[in-house]
């Protein structure tokens, strides 16, 4: 099942620094890339100029998403938090959205 997940910057986010300049960027990026490599995260990235990130996630439940994202180094540091999780039913296009050869 697919979910649209919105994450937003937390209280510890330093607005004077870009995303790659935040503390423990390398660990966060490695964690997120691993989730993408295993196809847990299908697509993801910042939304426009906002403080939000959209993730399309393939998971069994909202609880599974919360558990997996809690292991992101940026979660306990207060750099990112989950703002919203919604089930997403694909009605148009390829059901294998984001699949790469």
PDB file of N, CA and C in Angstrom:
ATOM      1  N   UNK A   1       0.850  -1.172   0.000  1.00  0.00           N
ATOM      2  CA  UNK A   1       0.000   0.000   0.000  1.00  0.00           C
ATOM      3  C   UNK A   1       0.899   1.239   0.000  1.00  0.00           C
ATOM      4  N   UNK A   2       0.462   2.244  -0.727  1.00  0.00           N
ATOM      5  CA  UNK A   2       1.227   3.485  -0.796  1.00  0.00           C
ATOM      6  C   UNK A   2       0.656   4.531   0.160  1.00  0.00           C
ATOM      7  N   UNK A   3       1.571   5.340   0.698  1.00  0.00           N
ATOM      8  CA  UNK A   3       1.196   6.446   1.573  1.00  0.00           C
ATOM      9  C   UNK A   3       1.917   7.697   1.120  1.00  0.00           C
ATOM     10  N   UNK A   4       1.225   8.838   1.231  1.00  0.00           N
ATOM     11  CA  UNK A   4       1.857  10.143   1.056  1.00  0.00           C
ATOM     12  C   UNK A   4       2.178  10.639   2.463  1.00  0.00           C
ATOM     13  N   UNK A   5       3.448  10.909   2.690  1.00  0.00           N
ATOM     14  CA  UNK A   5       3.910  11.315   4.015  1.00  0.00           C
ATOM     15  C   UNK A   5       4.533  12.707   3.894  1.00  0.00           C
ATOM     16  N   UNK A   6       4.067  13.603   4.726  1.00  0.00           N
ATOM     17  CA  UNK A   6       4.646  14.947   4.791  1.00  0.00           C
ATOM     18  C   UNK A   6       5.472  15.020   6.063  1.00  0.00           C
ATOM     19  N   UNK A   7       6.750  15.355   5.882  1.00  0.00           N
ATOM     20  CA  UNK A   7       7.613  15.642   7.031  1.00  0.00           C
ATOM     21  C   UNK A   7       7.901  17.135   6.994  1.00  0.00           C
ATOM     22  N   UNK A   8       8.113  17.698   8.168  1.00  0.00           N
ATOM     23  CA  UNK A   8       8.414  19.120   8.261  1.00  0.00           C
ATOM     24  C   UNK A   8       9.592  19.332   9.188  1.00  0.00           C
ATOM     25  N   UNK A   9      10.190  20.489   9.038  1.00  0.00           N
ATOM     26  CA  UNK A   9      11.332  20.833   9.878  1.00  0.00           C
ATOM     27  C   UNK A   9      10.900  20.930  11.334  1.00  0.00           C
ATOM     28  N   UNK A  10      11.760  20.421  12.199  1.00  0.00           N
ATOM     29  CA  UNK A  10      11.484  20.468  13.626  1.00  0.00           C
ATOM     30  C   UNK A  10      12.095  21.687  14.292  1.00  0.00           C
ATOM     31  N   UNK A  11      11.935  21.753  15.595  1.00  0.00           N
ATOM     32  CA  UNK A  11      12.400  22.906  16.374  1.00  0.00           C
ATOM     33  C   UNK A  11      13.914  23.071  16.351  1.00  0.00           C
ATOM     34  N   UNK A  12      14.655  21.991  16.107  1.00  0.00           N
ATOM     35  CA  UNK A  12      16.119  22.071  16.115  1.00  0.00           C
ATOM     36  C   UNK A  12      16.716  22.442  14.761  1.00  0.00           C
ATOM     37  N   UNK A  13      15.877  22.578  13.747  1.00  0.00           N
ATOM     38  CA  UNK A  13      16.366  22.946  12.414  1.00  0.00           C
ATOM     39  C   UNK A  13      16.986  24.337  12.472  1.00  0.00           C
ATOM     40  N   UNK A  14      18.172  24.469  11.912  1.00  0.00           N
ATOM     41  CA  UNK A  14      18.845  25.772  11.877  1.00  0.00           C
ATOM     42  C   UNK A  14      18.515  26.438  10.540  1.00  0.00           C
ATOM     43  N   UNK A  15      17.650  27.458  10.534  1.00  0.00           N
ATOM     44  CA  UNK A  15      17.243  28.094   9.281  1.00  0.00           C
ATOM     45  C   UNK A  15      18.378  28.824   8.566  1.00  0.00           C
ATOM     46  N   UNK A  16      19.468  29.069   9.260  1.00  0.00           N
ATOM     47  CA  UNK A  16      20.611  29.744   8.641  1.00  0.00           C
ATOM     48  C   UNK A  16      21.463  28.767   7.819  1.00  0.00           C
ATOM     49  N   UNK A  17      21.160  27.474   7.935  1.00  0.00           N
ATOM     50  CA  UNK A  17      21.946  26.460   7.233  1.00  0.00           C
ATOM     51  C   UNK A  17      21.067  25.738   6.212  1.00  0.00           C
ATOM     52  N   UNK A  18      21.657  25.367   5.075  1.00  0.00           N
ATOM     53  CA  UNK A  18      20.938  24.579   4.075  1.00  0.00           C
ATOM     54  C   UNK A  18      20.767  23.147   4.586  1.00  0.00           C
ATOM     55  N   UNK A  19      19.973  22.372   3.879  1.00  0.00           N
ATOM     56  CA  UNK A  19      19.735  20.993   4.295  1.00  0.00           C
ATOM     57  C   UNK A  19      21.048  20.208   4.464  1.00  0.00           C
ATOM     58  N   UNK A  20      21.945  20.222   3.473  1.00  0.00           N
ATOM     59  CA  UNK A  20      23.188  19.459   3.643  1.00  0.00           C
ATOM     60  C   UNK A  20      24.134  20.020   4.709  1.00  0.00           C
ATOM     61  N   UNK A  21      23.858  21.229   5.185  1.00  0.00           N
ATOM     62  CA  UNK A  21      24.688  21.823   6.224  1.00  0.00           C
ATOM     63  C   UNK A  21      24.178  21.527   7.641  1.00  0.00           C
ATOM     64  N   UNK A  22      22.998  20.899   7.743  1.00  0.00           N
ATOM     65  CA  UNK A  22      22.465  20.564   9.059  1.00  0.00           C
ATOM     66  C   UNK A  22      23.339  19.481   9.700  1.00  0.00           C
ATOM     67  N   UNK A  23      23.299  19.418  11.034  1.00  0.00           N
ATOM     68  CA  UNK A  23      24.071  18.406  11.757  1.00  0.00           C
ATOM     69  C   UNK A  23      23.697  16.998  11.297  1.00  0.00           C
ATOM     70  N   UNK A  24      24.695  16.136  11.207  1.00  0.00           N
ATOM     71  CA  UNK A  24      24.543  14.714  10.880  1.00  0.00           C
ATOM     72  C   UNK A  24      23.852  14.488   9.532  1.00  0.00           C
ATOM     73  N   UNK A  25      24.093  15.399   8.580  1.00  0.00           N
ATOM     74  CA  UNK A  25      23.539  15.265   7.239  1.00  0.00           C
ATOM     75  C   UNK A  25      23.921  13.933   6.609  1.00  0.00           C
ATOM     76  N   UNK A  26      25.186  13.555   6.692  1.00  0.00           N
ATOM     77  CA  UNK A  26      25.653  12.324   6.032  1.00  0.00           C
ATOM     78  C   UNK A  26      24.904  11.105   6.556  1.00  0.00           C
ATOM     79  N   UNK A  27      24.680  11.045   7.862  1.00  0.00           N
ATOM     80  CA  UNK A  27      23.949   9.905   8.442  1.00  0.00           C
ATOM     81  C   UNK A  27      22.490   9.908   8.006  1.00  0.00           C
ATOM     82  N   UNK A  28      21.885  11.088   7.998  1.00  0.00           N
ATOM     83  CA  UNK A  28      20.487  11.197   7.552  1.00  0.00           C
ATOM     84  C   UNK A  28      20.371  10.779   6.087  1.00  0.00           C
ATOM     85  N   UNK A  29      21.251  11.300   5.232  1.00  0.00           N
ATOM     86  CA  UNK A  29      21.195  10.982   3.805  1.00  0.00           C
ATOM     87  C   UNK A  29      21.411   9.489   3.574  1.00  0.00           C
ATOM     88  N   UNK A  30      22.348   8.881   4.276  1.00  0.00           N
ATOM     89  CA  UNK A  30      22.601   7.446   4.126  1.00  0.00           C
ATOM     90  C   UNK A  30      21.378   6.636   4.550  1.00  0.00           C
ATOM     91  N   UNK A  31      20.734   7.045   5.640  1.00  0.00           N
ATOM     92  CA  UNK A  31      19.531   6.363   6.125  1.00  0.00           C
ATOM     93  C   UNK A  31      18.409   6.439   5.089  1.00  0.00           C
ATOM     94  N   UNK A  32      18.164   7.645   4.577  1.00  0.00           N
ATOM     95  CA  UNK A  32      17.086   7.819   3.601  1.00  0.00           C
ATOM     96  C   UNK A  32      17.395   7.083   2.299  1.00  0.00           C
ATOM     97  N   UNK A  33      18.639   7.128   1.853  1.00  0.00           N
ATOM     98  CA  UNK A  33      19.025   6.409   0.633  1.00  0.00           C
ATOM     99  C   UNK A  33      18.840   4.899   0.804  1.00  0.00           C
ATOM    100  N   UNK A  34      19.108   4.386   1.995  1.00  0.00           N
ATOM    101  CA  UNK A  34      18.904   2.951   2.252  1.00  0.00           C
ATOM    102  C   UNK A  34      17.414   2.598   2.175  1.00  0.00           C
ATOM    103  N   UNK A  35      16.552   3.468   2.711  1.00  0.00           N
ATOM    104  CA  UNK A  35      15.107   3.218   2.619  1.00  0.00           C
ATOM    105  C   UNK A  35      14.636   3.242   1.165  1.00  0.00           C
ATOM    106  N   UNK A  36      15.216   4.121   0.368  1.00  0.00           N
ATOM    107  CA  UNK A  36      14.873   4.184  -1.055  1.00  0.00           C
ATOM    108  C   UNK A  36      15.400   2.950  -1.788  1.00  0.00           C
ATOM    109  N   UNK A  37      16.594   2.499  -1.453  1.00  0.00           N
ATOM    110  CA  UNK A  37      17.182   1.336  -2.112  1.00  0.00           C
ATOM    111  C   UNK A  37      16.354   0.076  -1.869  1.00  0.00           C
ATOM    112  N   UNK A  38      15.754  -0.013  -0.711  1.00  0.00           N
ATOM    113  CA  UNK A  38      14.919  -1.189  -0.424  1.00  0.00           C
ATOM    114  C   UNK A  38      13.465  -0.990  -0.839  1.00  0.00           C
ATOM    115  N   UNK A  39      13.178   0.152  -1.495  1.00  0.00           N
ATOM    116  CA  UNK A  39      11.857   0.460  -2.044  1.00  0.00           C
ATOM    117  C   UNK A  39      10.803   0.749  -0.973  1.00  0.00           C
ATOM    118  N   UNK A  40      11.225   1.039   0.259  1.00  0.00           N
ATOM    119  CA  UNK A  40      10.294   1.504   1.282  1.00  0.00           C
ATOM    120  C   UNK A  40       9.859   2.922   0.915  1.00  0.00           C
ATOM    121  N   UNK A  41      10.834   3.770   0.576  1.00  0.00           N
ATOM    122  CA  UNK A  41      10.545   5.087   0.017  1.00  0.00           C
ATOM    123  C   UNK A  41      10.609   4.950  -1.496  1.00  0.00           C
ATOM    124  N   UNK A  42       9.513   5.286  -2.163  1.00  0.00           N
ATOM    125  CA  UNK A  42       9.424   5.174  -3.614  1.00  0.00           C
ATOM    126  C   UNK A  42       9.896   6.468  -4.280  1.00  0.00           C
ATOM    127  N   UNK A  43       9.454   7.588  -3.748  1.00  0.00           N
ATOM    128  CA  UNK A  43       9.822   8.913  -4.236  1.00  0.00           C
ATOM    129  C   UNK A  43       9.920   9.842  -3.031  1.00  0.00           C
ATOM    130  N   UNK A  44      10.726  10.889  -3.145  1.00  0.00           N
ATOM    131  CA  UNK A  44      10.777  11.832  -2.040  1.00  0.00           C
ATOM    132  C   UNK A  44      11.594  13.059  -2.364  1.00  0.00           C
ATOM    133  N   UNK A  45      11.278  14.154  -1.677  1.00  0.00           N
ATOM    134  CA  UNK A  45      12.035  15.382  -1.826  1.00  0.00           C
ATOM    135  C   UNK A  45      11.276  16.567  -1.275  1.00  0.00           C
ATOM    136  N   UNK A  46      11.980  17.706  -1.155  1.00  0.00           N
ATOM    137  CA  UNK A  46      11.355  18.925  -0.632  1.00  0.00           C
ATOM    138  C   UNK A  46      10.219  19.408  -1.538  1.00  0.00           C
ATOM    139  N   UNK A  47       9.219  20.026  -0.933  1.00  0.00           N
ATOM    140  CA  UNK A  47       8.089  20.606  -1.662  1.00  0.00           C
ATOM    141  C   UNK A  47       8.348  22.089  -1.878  1.00  0.00           C
ATOM    142  N   UNK A  48       8.651  22.448  -3.113  1.00  0.00           N
ATOM    143  CA  UNK A  48       8.854  23.855  -3.464  1.00  0.00           C
ATOM    144  C   UNK A  48       9.836  24.548  -2.544  1.00  0.00           C
ATOM    145  N   UNK A  49       9.479  25.748  -2.130  1.00  0.00           N
ATOM    146  CA  UNK A  49      10.326  26.545  -1.243  1.00  0.00           C
ATOM    147  C   UNK A  49       9.877  26.419   0.214  1.00  0.00           C
ATOM    148  N   UNK A  50       9.040  25.442   0.500  1.00  0.00           N
ATOM    149  CA  UNK A  50       8.493  25.312   1.846  1.00  0.00           C
ATOM    150  C   UNK A  50       9.451  24.557   2.761  1.00  0.00           C
ATOM    151  N   UNK A  51       9.031  24.381   3.996  1.00  0.00           N
ATOM    152  CA  UNK A  51       9.791  23.638   4.997  1.00  0.00           C
ATOM    153  C   UNK A  51       9.343  22.180   5.052  1.00  0.00           C
ATOM    154  N   UNK A  52       8.626  21.730   4.028  1.00  0.00           N
ATOM    155  CA  UNK A  52       8.049  20.384   4.037  1.00  0.00           C
ATOM    156  C   UNK A  52       8.714  19.475   3.014  1.00  0.00           C
ATOM    157  N   UNK A  53       8.674  18.193   3.314  1.00  0.00           N
ATOM    158  CA  UNK A  53       9.217  17.157   2.439  1.00  0.00           C
ATOM    159  C   UNK A  53       8.093  16.163   2.172  1.00  0.00           C
ATOM    160  N   UNK A  54       7.920  15.789   0.920  1.00  0.00           N
ATOM    161  CA  UNK A  54       6.931  14.783   0.548  1.00  0.00           C
ATOM    162  C   UNK A  54       7.657  13.469   0.304  1.00  0.00           C
ATOM    163  N   UNK A  55       7.164  12.408   0.928  1.00  0.00           N
ATOM    164  CA  UNK A  55       7.659  11.059   0.685  1.00  0.00           C
ATOM    165  C   UNK A  55       6.491  10.203   0.226  1.00  0.00           C
ATOM    166  N   UNK A  56       6.695   9.422  -0.821  1.00  0.00           N
ATOM    167  CA  UNK A  56       5.739   8.390  -1.200  1.00  0.00           C
ATOM    168  C   UNK A  56       6.349   7.093  -0.697  1.00  0.00           C
ATOM    169  N   UNK A  57       5.622   6.434   0.183  1.00  0.00           N
ATOM    170  CA  UNK A  57       6.146   5.268   0.892  1.00  0.00           C
ATOM    171  C   UNK A  57       5.279   4.055   0.615  1.00  0.00           C
ATOM    172  N   UNK A  58       5.928   2.922   0.431  1.00  0.00           N
ATOM    173  CA  UNK A  58       5.276   1.635   0.247  1.00  0.00           C
ATOM    174  C   UNK A  58       5.405   0.876   1.564  1.00  0.00           C
ATOM    175  N   UNK A  59       4.313   0.815   2.322  1.00  0.00           N
ATOM    176  CA  UNK A  59       4.358   0.194   3.652  1.00  0.00           C
ATOM    177  C   UNK A  59       3.040  -0.511   3.944  1.00  0.00           C
ATOM    178  N   UNK A  60       3.060  -1.349   4.966  1.00  0.00           N
ATOM    179  CA  UNK A  60       1.860  -2.080   5.374  1.00  0.00           C
ATOM    180  C   UNK A  60       0.917  -1.249   6.230  1.00  0.00           C
ATOM    181  N   UNK A  61       1.466  -0.238   6.922  1.00  0.00           N
ATOM    182  CA  UNK A  61       0.629   0.538   7.841  1.00  0.00           C
ATOM    183  C   UNK A  61       1.293   1.863   8.195  1.00  0.00           C
ATOM    184  N   UNK A  62       0.499   2.754   8.764  1.00  0.00           N
ATOM    185  CA  UNK A  62       1.031   4.017   9.260  1.00  0.00           C
ATOM    186  C   UNK A  62       2.025   3.766  10.388  1.00  0.00           C
ATOM    187  N   UNK A  63       1.730   2.763  11.212  1.00  0.00           N
ATOM    188  CA  UNK A  63       2.621   2.439  12.323  1.00  0.00           C
ATOM    189  C   UNK A  63       3.989   2.011  11.813  1.00  0.00           C
ATOM    190  N   UNK A  64       4.025   1.269  10.710  1.00  0.00           N
ATOM    191  CA  UNK A  64       5.305   0.848  10.124  1.00  0.00           C
ATOM    192  C   UNK A  64       6.104   2.062   9.660  1.00  0.00           C
ATOM    193  N   UNK A  65       5.412   3.036   9.100  1.00  0.00           N
ATOM    194  CA  UNK A  65       6.069   4.265   8.649  1.00  0.00           C
ATOM    195  C   UNK A  65       6.643   5.015   9.845  1.00  0.00           C
ATOM    196  N   UNK A  66       5.845   5.183  10.883  1.00  0.00           N
ATOM    197  CA  UNK A  66       6.298   5.905  12.067  1.00  0.00           C
ATOM    198  C   UNK A  66       7.507   5.220  12.698  1.00  0.00           C
ATOM    199  N   UNK A  67       7.484   3.900  12.752  1.00  0.00           N
ATOM    200  CA  UNK A  67       8.594   3.143  13.338  1.00  0.00           C
ATOM    201  C   UNK A  67       9.858   3.310  12.521  1.00  0.00           C
ATOM    202  N   UNK A  68       9.742   3.167  11.203  1.00  0.00           N
ATOM    203  CA  UNK A  68      10.932   3.274  10.349  1.00  0.00           C
ATOM    204  C   UNK A  68      11.511   4.678  10.375  1.00  0.00           C
ATOM    205  N   UNK A  69      10.677   5.704  10.276  1.00  0.00           N
ATOM    206  CA  UNK A  69      11.182   7.075  10.251  1.00  0.00           C
ATOM    207  C   UNK A  69      11.698   7.526  11.619  1.00  0.00           C
ATOM    208  N   UNK A  70      11.271   6.873  12.691  1.00  0.00           N
ATOM    209  CA  UNK A  70      11.798   7.179  14.020  1.00  0.00           C
ATOM    210  C   UNK A  70      13.288   6.844  14.113  1.00  0.00           C
ATOM    211  N   UNK A  71      13.743   5.920  13.254  1.00  0.00           N
ATOM    212  CA  UNK A  71      15.156   5.525  13.248  1.00  0.00           C
ATOM    213  C   UNK A  71      16.038   6.488  12.448  1.00  0.00           C
ATOM    214  N   UNK A  72      15.433   7.457  11.761  1.00  0.00           N
ATOM    215  CA  UNK A  72      16.202   8.480  11.041  1.00  0.00           C
ATOM    216  C   UNK A  72      16.963   9.290  12.084  1.00  0.00           C
ATOM    217  N   UNK A  73      18.268   9.460  11.930  1.00  0.00           N
ATOM    218  CA  UNK A  73      19.020  10.241  12.922  1.00  0.00           C
ATOM    219  C   UNK A  73      18.445  11.638  13.171  1.00  0.00           C
ATOM    220  N   UNK A  74      17.786  12.215  12.191  1.00  0.00           N
ATOM    221  CA  UNK A  74      17.237  13.560  12.352  1.00  0.00           C
ATOM    222  C   UNK A  74      15.954  13.583  13.192  1.00  0.00           C
ATOM    223  N   UNK A  75      15.296  12.434  13.372  1.00  0.00           N
ATOM    224  CA  UNK A  75      14.046  12.429  14.137  1.00  0.00           C
ATOM    225  C   UNK A  75      14.300  12.715  15.616  1.00  0.00           C
ATOM    226  N   UNK A  76      15.142  11.932  16.318  1.00  0.00           N
ATOM    227  CA  UNK A  76      15.337  12.237  17.741  1.00  0.00           C
ATOM    228  C   UNK A  76      16.065  13.558  17.987  1.00  0.00           C
ATOM    229  N   UNK A  77      16.771  14.041  16.969  1.00  0.00           N
ATOM    230  CA  UNK A  77      17.465  15.325  17.102  1.00  0.00           C
ATOM    231  C   UNK A  77      16.506  16.507  16.979  1.00  0.00           C
ATOM    232  N   UNK A  78      15.275  16.248  16.535  1.00  0.00           N
ATOM    233  CA  UNK A  78      14.298  17.319  16.371  1.00  0.00           C
ATOM    234  C   UNK A  78      14.480  18.123  15.101  1.00  0.00           C
ATOM    235  N   UNK A  79      15.196  17.560  14.112  1.00  0.00           N
ATOM    236  CA  UNK A  79      15.371  18.263  12.840  1.00  0.00           C
ATOM    237  C   UNK A  79      14.196  18.030  11.902  1.00  0.00           C
ATOM    238  N   UNK A  80      13.619  16.844  11.932  1.00  0.00           N
ATOM    239  CA  UNK A  80      12.444  16.531  11.113  1.00  0.00           C
ATOM    240  C   UNK A  80      11.423  15.784  11.956  1.00  0.00           C
ATOM    241  N   UNK A  81      10.155  15.982  11.610  1.00  0.00           N
ATOM    242  CA  UNK A  81       9.061  15.254  12.253  1.00  0.00           C
ATOM    243  C   UNK A  81       8.003  14.947  11.203  1.00  0.00           C
ATOM    244  N   UNK A  82       7.204  13.957  11.470  1.00  0.00           N
ATOM    245  CA  UNK A  82       6.093  13.621  10.585  1.00  0.00           C
ATOM    246  C   UNK A  82       4.966  14.606  10.858  1.00  0.00           C
ATOM    247  N   UNK A  83       4.491  15.260   9.809  1.00  0.00           N
ATOM    248  CA  UNK A  83       3.364  16.183   9.938  1.00  0.00           C
ATOM    249  C   UNK A  83       2.052  15.499   9.582  1.00  0.00           C
ATOM    250  N   UNK A  84       2.116  14.593   8.579  1.00  0.00           N
ATOM    251  CA  UNK A  84       0.875  13.971   8.103  1.00  0.00           C
ATOM    252  C   UNK A  84       1.197  12.683   7.362  1.00  0.00           C
ATOM    253  N   UNK A  85       0.340  11.698   7.530  1.00  0.00           N
ATOM    254  CA  UNK A  85       0.428  10.438   6.792  1.00  0.00           C
ATOM    255  C   UNK A  85      -0.961  10.144   6.252  1.00  0.00           C
ATOM    256  N   UNK A  86      -1.043   9.931   4.938  1.00  0.00           N
ATOM    257  CA  UNK A  86      -2.329   9.607   4.326  1.00  0.00           C
ATOM    258  C   UNK A  86      -2.167   8.468   3.344  1.00  0.00           C
ATOM    259  N   UNK A  87      -3.106   7.524   3.380  1.00  0.00           N
ATOM    260  CA  UNK A  87      -3.107   6.452   2.393  1.00  0.00           C
ATOM    261  C   UNK A  87      -3.319   7.064   1.017  1.00  0.00           C
ATOM    262  N   UNK A  88      -2.654   6.485   0.016  1.00  0.00           N
ATOM    263  CA  UNK A  88      -2.743   7.010  -1.346  1.00  0.00           C
ATOM    264  C   UNK A  88      -3.131   5.880  -2.281  1.00  0.00           C
ATOM    265  N   UNK A  89      -4.284   6.006  -2.875  1.00  0.00           N
ATOM    266  CA  UNK A  89      -4.765   5.022  -3.845  1.00  0.00           C
ATOM    267  C   UNK A  89      -4.438   5.527  -5.242  1.00  0.00           C
ATOM    268  N   UNK A  90      -3.641   4.777  -5.961  1.00  0.00           N
ATOM    269  CA  UNK A  90      -3.254   5.174  -7.313  1.00  0.00           C
ATOM    270  C   UNK A  90      -4.361   4.772  -8.277  1.00  0.00           C
ATOM    271  N   UNK A  91      -4.945   5.766  -8.945  1.00  0.00           N
ATOM    272  CA  UNK A  91      -6.004   5.514  -9.922  1.00  0.00           C
ATOM    273  C   UNK A  91      -5.548   5.807 -11.347  1.00  0.00           C
ATOM    274  N   UNK A  92      -4.527   6.613 -11.506  1.00  0.00           N
ATOM    275  CA  UNK A  92      -4.031   6.975 -12.828  1.00  0.00           C
ATOM    276  C   UNK A  92      -2.554   6.646 -12.933  1.00  0.00           C
ATOM    277  N   UNK A  93      -2.141   6.244 -14.092  1.00  0.00           N
ATOM    278  CA  UNK A  93      -0.725   6.000 -14.320  1.00  0.00           C
ATOM    279  C   UNK A  93      -0.289   4.613 -13.917  1.00  0.00           C
ATOM    280  N   UNK A  94       0.989   4.447 -13.913  1.00  0.00           N
ATOM    281  CA  UNK A  94       1.610   3.164 -13.625  1.00  0.00           C
ATOM    282  C   UNK A  94       1.580   2.903 -12.137  1.00  0.00           C
ATOM    283  N   UNK A  95       1.087   1.747 -11.747  1.00  0.00           N
ATOM    284  CA  UNK A  95       1.017   1.377 -10.337  1.00  0.00           C
ATOM    285  C   UNK A  95       2.412   1.246  -9.744  1.00  0.00           C
ATOM    286  N   UNK A  96       3.395   1.038 -10.574  1.00  0.00           N
ATOM    287  CA  UNK A  96       4.774   0.885 -10.107  1.00  0.00           C
ATOM    288  C   UNK A  96       5.491   2.235 -10.159  1.00  0.00           C
ATOM    289  N   UNK A  97       4.819   3.272  -9.663  1.00  0.00           N
ATOM    290  CA  UNK A  97       5.343   4.624  -9.685  1.00  0.00           C
ATOM    291  C   UNK A  97       6.756   4.660  -9.099  1.00  0.00           C
ATOM    292  N   UNK A  98       7.600   5.344  -9.802  1.00  0.00           N
ATOM    293  CA  UNK A  98       8.953   5.509  -9.306  1.00  0.00           C
ATOM    294  C   UNK A  98       9.887   4.339  -9.530  1.00  0.00           C
ATOM    295  N   UNK A  99       9.394   3.264 -10.118  1.00  0.00           N
ATOM    296  CA  UNK A  99      10.253   2.096 -10.327  1.00  0.00           C
ATOM    297  C   UNK A  99      11.339   2.448 -11.339  1.00  0.00           C
ATOM    298  N   UNK A 100      12.538   2.119 -10.974  1.00  0.00           N
ATOM    299  CA  UNK A 100      13.671   2.362 -11.870  1.00  0.00           C
ATOM    300  C   UNK A 100      14.252   1.027 -12.274  1.00  0.00           C
ATOM    301  N   UNK A 101      14.723   0.939 -13.531  1.00  0.00           N
ATOM    302  CA  UNK A 101      15.319  -0.336 -13.989  1.00  0.00           C
ATOM    303  C   UNK A 101      16.553  -0.712 -13.219  1.00  0.00           C
TER     304      UNK A 101
END
